[in-house]
Amino acid sequence: MSTALEWFKSSYSGSEGGQCIEVACNEAGIHIRDSKNPEATGPTLTSSPEAWAAFTAYATDATAR
């Protein structure tokens, strides 16, 4: 039995949308999708928790430069 993913987006995202991603987590990994295409049939990228942590660390460091 699968459960529905609980998607969320950053509190830094504006309400007008257009440039946001949504993220959901479960035992299979970290799931990322475009907030403009939230339908279940839209493309979703799935990452391991380790890869997601490395990505967010890099993105955070890159924005500090």
Protein backbone atom coordinates (compact mmCIF):
# COMPACT_ATOMS: atom_id res chain seq x y z
CA MET A 1 0.00 0.00 0.00
CA SER A 2 1.43 3.38 -0.99
CA THR A 3 0.67 6.60 0.77
CA ALA A 4 0.37 9.98 -0.88
CA LEU A 5 3.46 12.14 -0.69
CA GLU A 6 3.24 15.36 1.32
CA TRP A 7 4.79 18.00 -0.93
CA PHE A 8 6.19 21.29 0.37
CA LYS A 9 8.14 24.22 -1.00
CA SER A 10 10.53 26.67 0.56
CA SER A 11 9.19 29.45 2.71
CA TYR A 12 11.37 31.70 0.52
CA SER A 13 9.13 30.91 -2.47
CA GLY A 14 6.66 33.62 -3.37
CA SER A 15 2.96 33.00 -3.76
CA GLU A 16 3.03 33.94 -7.45
CA GLY A 17 4.91 30.73 -8.33
CA GLY A 18 6.68 30.17 -11.60
CA GLN A 19 10.15 29.35 -10.32
CA CYS A 20 9.60 26.91 -7.48
CA ILE A 21 10.25 23.29 -6.82
CA GLU A 22 8.35 21.14 -4.37
CA VAL A 23 9.94 18.41 -2.28
CA ALA A 24 8.55 15.32 -0.57
CA CYS A 25 10.31 12.65 1.46
CA ASN A 26 9.54 9.01 2.12
CA GLU A 27 11.38 5.71 2.56
CA ALA A 28 12.21 5.61 -1.17
CA GLY A 29 14.11 8.90 -1.06
CA ILE A 30 13.75 12.61 -1.70
CA HIS A 31 11.31 13.51 -4.49
CA ILE A 32 11.52 16.80 -6.38
CA ARG A 33 9.02 18.26 -8.86
CA ASP A 34 8.17 21.54 -10.58
CA SER A 35 5.47 23.40 -8.66
CA LYS A 36 3.89 24.44 -11.99
CA ASN A 37 3.17 20.77 -12.74
CA PRO A 38 1.86 19.24 -9.49
CA GLU A 39 -0.24 16.52 -11.10
CA ALA A 40 0.68 12.97 -10.20
CA THR A 41 1.58 12.34 -13.86
CA GLY A 42 4.15 15.14 -14.00
CA PRO A 43 7.87 14.35 -13.98
CA THR A 44 9.49 13.74 -10.61
CA LEU A 45 13.18 13.45 -9.82
CA THR A 46 14.05 11.06 -6.98
CA SER A 47 17.31 11.34 -5.08
CA SER A 48 18.97 9.55 -2.22
CA PRO A 49 19.10 11.51 1.05
CA GLU A 50 22.90 11.67 0.75
CA ALA A 51 22.81 13.11 -2.78
CA TRP A 52 20.15 15.65 -1.77
CA ALA A 53 22.24 16.74 1.23
CA ALA A 54 25.29 17.19 -1.01
CA PHE A 55 23.24 19.17 -3.54
CA THR A 56 21.71 21.51 -0.95
CA ALA A 57 25.10 22.04 0.71
CA TYR A 58 26.62 22.96 -2.66
CA ALA A 59 23.70 25.25 -3.57
CA THR A 60 23.89 26.99 -0.20
CA ASP A 61 27.65 27.48 -0.53
CA ALA A 62 27.31 28.71 -4.12
CA THR A 63 24.77 31.37 -3.16
CA ALA A 64 27.13 32.67 -0.47
CA ARG A 65 29.80 33.46 -3.06
